[in-house]
Amino acid sequence: MVGGFADRWLATMDAAEFGWFCEILEEQDVDIMAWAFGVQEPPERLRGPMMDRLVALDYVRVDR
């Protein structure tokens, strides 16, 4: 999930967005997935436009 997010957004991130991304890399995968799927609320410090991008899940590829 995080890899797909990076593939989609990393090249266009500004410094603040990149800082957010670096912060989320420090979080547990299970927590990131829970936030992305709306099962848990993310911490206040991670909320905002970048979390909205994560929650959109439009960057996830499903090979069938």
PDB file of N, CA and C in Angstrom:
ATOM      1  N   MET A   1       0.826  -1.181   0.000  1.00  0.00           N
ATOM      2  CA  MET A   1       0.000   0.000   0.000  1.00  0.00           C
ATOM      3  C   MET A   1       0.878   1.256   0.000  1.00  0.00           C
ATOM      4  N   VAL A   2       1.828   1.314   0.918  1.00  0.00           N
ATOM      5  CA  VAL A   2       2.690   2.485   0.997  1.00  0.00           C
ATOM      6  C   VAL A   2       3.541   2.615  -0.263  1.00  0.00           C
ATOM      7  N   GLY A   3       3.981   1.484  -0.798  1.00  0.00           N
ATOM      8  CA  GLY A   3       4.761   1.510  -2.031  1.00  0.00           C
ATOM      9  C   GLY A   3       3.963   2.048  -3.198  1.00  0.00           C
ATOM     10  N   GLY A   4       2.718   1.631  -3.321  1.00  0.00           N
ATOM     11  CA  GLY A   4       1.846   2.135  -4.375  1.00  0.00           C
ATOM     12  C   GLY A   4       1.580   3.620  -4.218  1.00  0.00           C
ATOM     13  N   PHE A   5       1.408   4.046  -2.975  1.00  0.00           N
ATOM     14  CA  PHE A   5       1.213   5.468  -2.687  1.00  0.00           C
ATOM     15  C   PHE A   5       2.453   6.254  -3.122  1.00  0.00           C
ATOM     16  N   ALA A   6       3.625   5.748  -2.782  1.00  0.00           N
ATOM     17  CA  ALA A   6       4.873   6.409  -3.172  1.00  0.00           C
ATOM     18  C   ALA A   6       5.020   6.451  -4.690  1.00  0.00           C
ATOM     19  N   ASP A   7       4.726   5.341  -5.352  1.00  0.00           N
ATOM     20  CA  ASP A   7       4.816   5.310  -6.818  1.00  0.00           C
ATOM     21  C   ASP A   7       3.929   6.380  -7.441  1.00  0.00           C
ATOM     22  N   ARG A   8       2.746   6.570  -6.876  1.00  0.00           N
ATOM     23  CA  ARG A   8       1.782   7.527  -7.438  1.00  0.00           C
ATOM     24  C   ARG A   8       2.136   8.978  -7.118  1.00  0.00           C
ATOM     25  N   TRP A   9       2.598   9.267  -5.898  1.00  0.00           N
ATOM     26  CA  TRP A   9       2.681  10.650  -5.437  1.00  0.00           C
ATOM     27  C   TRP A   9       4.084  11.182  -5.171  1.00  0.00           C
ATOM     28  N   LEU A  10       5.071  10.341  -4.962  1.00  0.00           N
ATOM     29  CA  LEU A  10       6.381  10.798  -4.507  1.00  0.00           C
ATOM     30  C   LEU A  10       7.005  11.857  -5.426  1.00  0.00           C
ATOM     31  N   ALA A  11       6.926  11.667  -6.704  1.00  0.00           N
ATOM     32  CA  ALA A  11       7.578  12.590  -7.644  1.00  0.00           C
ATOM     33  C   ALA A  11       6.997  14.000  -7.604  1.00  0.00           C
ATOM     34  N   THR A  12       5.774  14.142  -7.130  1.00  0.00           N
ATOM     35  CA  THR A  12       5.133  15.464  -7.124  1.00  0.00           C
ATOM     36  C   THR A  12       5.017  16.074  -5.727  1.00  0.00           C
ATOM     37  N   MET A  13       5.552  15.399  -4.715  1.00  0.00           N
ATOM     38  CA  MET A  13       5.448  15.913  -3.346  1.00  0.00           C
ATOM     39  C   MET A  13       6.344  17.127  -3.144  1.00  0.00           C
ATOM     40  N   ASP A  14       5.802  18.127  -2.440  1.00  0.00           N
ATOM     41  CA  ASP A  14       6.643  19.234  -2.007  1.00  0.00           C
ATOM     42  C   ASP A  14       7.308  18.844  -0.685  1.00  0.00           C
ATOM     43  N   ALA A  15       8.066  19.736  -0.098  1.00  0.00           N
ATOM     44  CA  ALA A  15       8.826  19.414   1.119  1.00  0.00           C
ATOM     45  C   ALA A  15       7.914  19.028   2.279  1.00  0.00           C
ATOM     46  N   ALA A  16       6.808  19.737   2.455  1.00  0.00           N
ATOM     47  CA  ALA A  16       5.885  19.431   3.560  1.00  0.00           C
ATOM     48  C   ALA A  16       5.228  18.071   3.348  1.00  0.00           C
ATOM     49  N   GLU A  17       4.828  17.783   2.121  1.00  0.00           N
ATOM     50  CA  GLU A  17       4.208  16.494   1.821  1.00  0.00           C
ATOM     51  C   GLU A  17       5.209  15.361   2.000  1.00  0.00           C
ATOM     52  N   PHE A  18       6.446  15.592   1.595  1.00  0.00           N
ATOM     53  CA  PHE A  18       7.478  14.584   1.785  1.00  0.00           C
ATOM     54  C   PHE A  18       7.732  14.346   3.277  1.00  0.00           C
ATOM     55  N   GLY A  19       7.699  15.406   4.064  1.00  0.00           N
ATOM     56  CA  GLY A  19       7.840  15.267   5.515  1.00  0.00           C
ATOM     57  C   GLY A  19       6.735  14.406   6.096  1.00  0.00           C
ATOM     58  N   TRP A  20       5.497  14.615   5.624  1.00  0.00           N
ATOM     59  CA  TRP A  20       4.359  13.795   6.062  1.00  0.00           C
ATOM     60  C   TRP A  20       4.612  12.337   5.690  1.00  0.00           C
ATOM     61  N   PHE A  21       5.069  12.120   4.459  1.00  0.00           N
ATOM     62  CA  PHE A  21       5.332  10.760   3.997  1.00  0.00           C
ATOM     63  C   PHE A  21       6.399  10.089   4.861  1.00  0.00           C
ATOM     64  N   CYS A  22       7.456  10.802   5.176  1.00  0.00           N
ATOM     65  CA  CYS A  22       8.507  10.241   6.034  1.00  0.00           C
ATOM     66  C   CYS A  22       7.947   9.885   7.408  1.00  0.00           C
ATOM     67  N   GLU A  23       7.040  10.731   7.907  1.00  0.00           N
ATOM     68  CA  GLU A  23       6.414  10.443   9.203  1.00  0.00           C
ATOM     69  C   GLU A  23       5.576   9.179   9.155  1.00  0.00           C
ATOM     70  N   ILE A  24       4.832   9.005   8.086  1.00  0.00           N
ATOM     71  CA  ILE A  24       3.961   7.832   8.007  1.00  0.00           C
ATOM     72  C   ILE A  24       4.778   6.549   7.871  1.00  0.00           C
ATOM     73  N   LEU A  25       5.974   6.651   7.321  1.00  0.00           N
ATOM     74  CA  LEU A  25       6.833   5.469   7.213  1.00  0.00           C
ATOM     75  C   LEU A  25       7.250   4.938   8.577  1.00  0.00           C
ATOM     76  N   GLU A  26       7.160   5.762   9.592  1.00  0.00           N
ATOM     77  CA  GLU A  26       7.511   5.349  10.950  1.00  0.00           C
ATOM     78  C   GLU A  26       6.366   4.612  11.649  1.00  0.00           C
ATOM     79  N   GLU A  27       5.194   4.624  11.040  1.00  0.00           N
ATOM     80  CA  GLU A  27       4.009   3.996  11.637  1.00  0.00           C
ATOM     81  C   GLU A  27       3.947   2.511  11.288  1.00  0.00           C
ATOM     82  N   GLN A  28       3.175   1.777  12.060  1.00  0.00           N
ATOM     83  CA  GLN A  28       2.966   0.348  11.820  1.00  0.00           C
ATOM     84  C   GLN A  28       2.077   0.145  10.586  1.00  0.00           C
ATOM     85  N   ASP A  29       2.407  -0.846   9.776  1.00  0.00           N
ATOM     86  CA  ASP A  29       1.622  -1.130   8.570  1.00  0.00           C
ATOM     87  C   ASP A  29       0.145  -1.363   8.894  1.00  0.00           C
ATOM     88  N   VAL A  30      -0.114  -2.076   9.958  1.00  0.00           N
ATOM     89  CA  VAL A  30      -1.499  -2.380  10.323  1.00  0.00           C
ATOM     90  C   VAL A  30      -2.276  -1.101  10.634  1.00  0.00           C
ATOM     91  N   ASP A  31      -1.619  -0.116  11.226  1.00  0.00           N
ATOM     92  CA  ASP A  31      -2.278   1.156  11.514  1.00  0.00           C
ATOM     93  C   ASP A  31      -2.543   1.927  10.231  1.00  0.00           C
ATOM     94  N   ILE A  32      -1.563   1.962   9.341  1.00  0.00           N
ATOM     95  CA  ILE A  32      -1.734   2.661   8.066  1.00  0.00           C
ATOM     96  C   ILE A  32      -2.910   2.061   7.297  1.00  0.00           C
ATOM     97  N   MET A  33      -2.998   0.752   7.265  1.00  0.00           N
ATOM     98  CA  MET A  33      -4.104   0.097   6.565  1.00  0.00           C
ATOM     99  C   MET A  33      -5.448   0.420   7.232  1.00  0.00           C
ATOM    100  N   ALA A  34      -5.479   0.430   8.544  1.00  0.00           N
ATOM    101  CA  ALA A  34      -6.719   0.752   9.260  1.00  0.00           C
ATOM    102  C   ALA A  34      -7.168   2.173   8.949  1.00  0.00           C
ATOM    103  N   TRP A  35      -6.241   3.098   8.861  1.00  0.00           N
ATOM    104  CA  TRP A  35      -6.598   4.477   8.510  1.00  0.00           C
ATOM    105  C   TRP A  35      -7.094   4.545   7.075  1.00  0.00           C
ATOM    106  N   ALA A  36      -6.380   3.868   6.161  1.00  0.00           N
ATOM    107  CA  ALA A  36      -6.750   3.904   4.741  1.00  0.00           C
ATOM    108  C   ALA A  36      -8.130   3.295   4.506  1.00  0.00           C
ATOM    109  N   PHE A  37      -8.469   2.244   5.239  1.00  0.00           N
ATOM    110  CA  PHE A  37      -9.762   1.585   5.076  1.00  0.00           C
ATOM    111  C   PHE A  37     -10.855   2.193   5.935  1.00  0.00           C
ATOM    112  N   GLY A  38     -10.518   3.218   6.732  1.00  0.00           N
ATOM    113  CA  GLY A  38     -11.512   3.891   7.550  1.00  0.00           C
ATOM    114  C   GLY A  38     -11.936   3.128   8.792  1.00  0.00           C
ATOM    115  N   VAL A  39     -11.136   2.155   9.202  1.00  0.00           N
ATOM    116  CA  VAL A  39     -11.444   1.356  10.381  1.00  0.00           C
ATOM    117  C   VAL A  39     -11.058   2.107  11.656  1.00  0.00           C
ATOM    118  N   GLN A  40     -10.011   2.908  11.570  1.00  0.00           N
ATOM    119  CA  GLN A  40      -9.553   3.726  12.692  1.00  0.00           C
ATOM    120  C   GLN A  40      -9.300   5.145  12.197  1.00  0.00           C
ATOM    121  N   GLU A  41      -9.415   6.095  13.107  1.00  0.00           N
ATOM    122  CA  GLU A  41      -9.063   7.479  12.797  1.00  0.00           C
ATOM    123  C   GLU A  41      -7.547   7.639  12.920  1.00  0.00           C
ATOM    124  N   PRO A  42      -6.938   8.331  11.972  1.00  0.00           N
ATOM    125  CA  PRO A  42      -5.497   8.578  12.098  1.00  0.00           C
ATOM    126  C   PRO A  42      -5.225   9.611  13.189  1.00  0.00           C
ATOM    127  N   PRO A  43      -4.008   9.655  13.689  1.00  0.00           N
ATOM    128  CA  PRO A  43      -3.654  10.688  14.655  1.00  0.00           C
ATOM    129  C   PRO A  43      -3.841  12.077  14.025  1.00  0.00           C
ATOM    130  N   GLU A  44      -4.158  13.033  14.841  1.00  0.00           N
ATOM    131  CA  GLU A  44      -4.396  14.403  14.365  1.00  0.00           C
ATOM    132  C   GLU A  44      -3.235  14.919  13.522  1.00  0.00           C
ATOM    133  N   ARG A  45      -2.008  14.623  13.918  1.00  0.00           N
ATOM    134  CA  ARG A  45      -0.837  15.137  13.215  1.00  0.00           C
ATOM    135  C   ARG A  45      -0.701  14.606  11.790  1.00  0.00           C
ATOM    136  N   LEU A  46      -1.404  13.527  11.474  1.00  0.00           N
ATOM    137  CA  LEU A  46      -1.323  12.949  10.131  1.00  0.00           C
ATOM    138  C   LEU A  46      -2.556  13.250   9.275  1.00  0.00           C
ATOM    139  N   ARG A  47      -3.547  13.886   9.855  1.00  0.00           N
ATOM    140  CA  ARG A  47      -4.764  14.202   9.102  1.00  0.00           C
ATOM    141  C   ARG A  47      -4.526  15.352   8.141  1.00  0.00           C
ATOM    142  N   GLY A  48      -5.306  15.375   7.075  1.00  0.00           N
ATOM    143  CA  GLY A  48      -5.203  16.460   6.109  1.00  0.00           C
ATOM    144  C   GLY A  48      -5.208  15.934   4.688  1.00  0.00           C
ATOM    145  N   PRO A  49      -4.789  16.763   3.745  1.00  0.00           N
ATOM    146  CA  PRO A  49      -4.844  16.393   2.324  1.00  0.00           C
ATOM    147  C   PRO A  49      -4.062  15.131   1.963  1.00  0.00           C
ATOM    148  N   MET A  50      -2.918  14.927   2.608  1.00  0.00           N
ATOM    149  CA  MET A  50      -2.142  13.730   2.284  1.00  0.00           C
ATOM    150  C   MET A  50      -2.835  12.472   2.791  1.00  0.00           C
ATOM    151  N   MET A  51      -3.450  12.544   3.965  1.00  0.00           N
ATOM    152  CA  MET A  51      -4.217  11.394   4.452  1.00  0.00           C
ATOM    153  C   MET A  51      -5.410  11.148   3.530  1.00  0.00           C
ATOM    154  N   ASP A  52      -6.009  12.230   3.040  1.00  0.00           N
ATOM    155  CA  ASP A  52      -7.117  12.074   2.088  1.00  0.00           C
ATOM    156  C   ASP A  52      -6.656  11.323   0.845  1.00  0.00           C
ATOM    157  N   ARG A  53      -5.445  11.597   0.384  1.00  0.00           N
ATOM    158  CA  ARG A  53      -4.889  10.862  -0.764  1.00  0.00           C
ATOM    159  C   ARG A  53      -4.707   9.390  -0.424  1.00  0.00           C
ATOM    160  N   LEU A  54      -4.208   9.126   0.774  1.00  0.00           N
ATOM    161  CA  LEU A  54      -4.005   7.739   1.203  1.00  0.00           C
ATOM    162  C   LEU A  54      -5.328   6.990   1.249  1.00  0.00           C
ATOM    163  N   VAL A  55      -6.351   7.632   1.796  1.00  0.00           N
ATOM    164  CA  VAL A  55      -7.662   7.005   1.953  1.00  0.00           C
ATOM    165  C   VAL A  55      -8.341   6.768   0.604  1.00  0.00           C
ATOM    166  N   ALA A  56      -8.011   7.552  -0.398  1.00  0.00           N
ATOM    167  CA  ALA A  56      -8.639   7.402  -1.724  1.00  0.00           C
ATOM    168  C   ALA A  56      -8.381   6.027  -2.335  1.00  0.00           C
ATOM    169  N   LEU A  57      -7.241   5.430  -2.022  1.00  0.00           N
ATOM    170  CA  LEU A  57      -6.863   4.092  -2.499  1.00  0.00           C
ATOM    171  C   LEU A  57      -6.857   3.956  -4.026  1.00  0.00           C
ATOM    172  N   ASP A  58      -6.851   5.066  -4.742  1.00  0.00           N
ATOM    173  CA  ASP A  58      -6.863   5.007  -6.202  1.00  0.00           C
ATOM    174  C   ASP A  58      -5.486   4.676  -6.795  1.00  0.00           C
ATOM    175  N   TYR A  59      -4.521   4.497  -5.953  1.00  0.00           N
ATOM    176  CA  TYR A  59      -3.166   4.168  -6.361  1.00  0.00           C
ATOM    177  C   TYR A  59      -2.856   2.680  -6.186  1.00  0.00           C
ATOM    178  N   VAL A  60      -3.790   1.919  -5.645  1.00  0.00           N
ATOM    179  CA  VAL A  60      -3.587   0.486  -5.398  1.00  0.00           C
ATOM    180  C   VAL A  60      -3.864  -0.274  -6.683  1.00  0.00           C
ATOM    181  N   ARG A  61      -2.906  -1.091  -7.082  1.00  0.00           N
ATOM    182  CA  ARG A  61      -3.074  -1.927  -8.275  1.00  0.00           C
ATOM    183  C   ARG A  61      -3.468  -3.333  -7.839  1.00  0.00           C
ATOM    184  N   VAL A  62      -4.443  -3.878  -8.514  1.00  0.00           N
ATOM    185  CA  VAL A  62      -4.856  -5.239  -8.242  1.00  0.00           C
ATOM    186  C   VAL A  62      -4.674  -6.042  -9.533  1.00  0.00           C
ATOM    187  N   ASP A  63      -3.736  -6.959  -9.512  1.00  0.00           N
ATOM    188  CA  ASP A  63      -3.494  -7.815 -10.675  1.00  0.00           C
ATOM    189  C   ASP A  63      -4.387  -9.045 -10.569  1.00  0.00           C
ATOM    190  N   ARG A  64      -5.070  -9.339 -11.631  1.00  0.00           N
ATOM    191  CA  ARG A  64      -5.964 -10.512 -11.650  1.00  0.00           C
ATOM    192  C   ARG A  64      -5.625 -11.395 -12.810  1.00  0.00           C
TER     193      ARG A  64
END
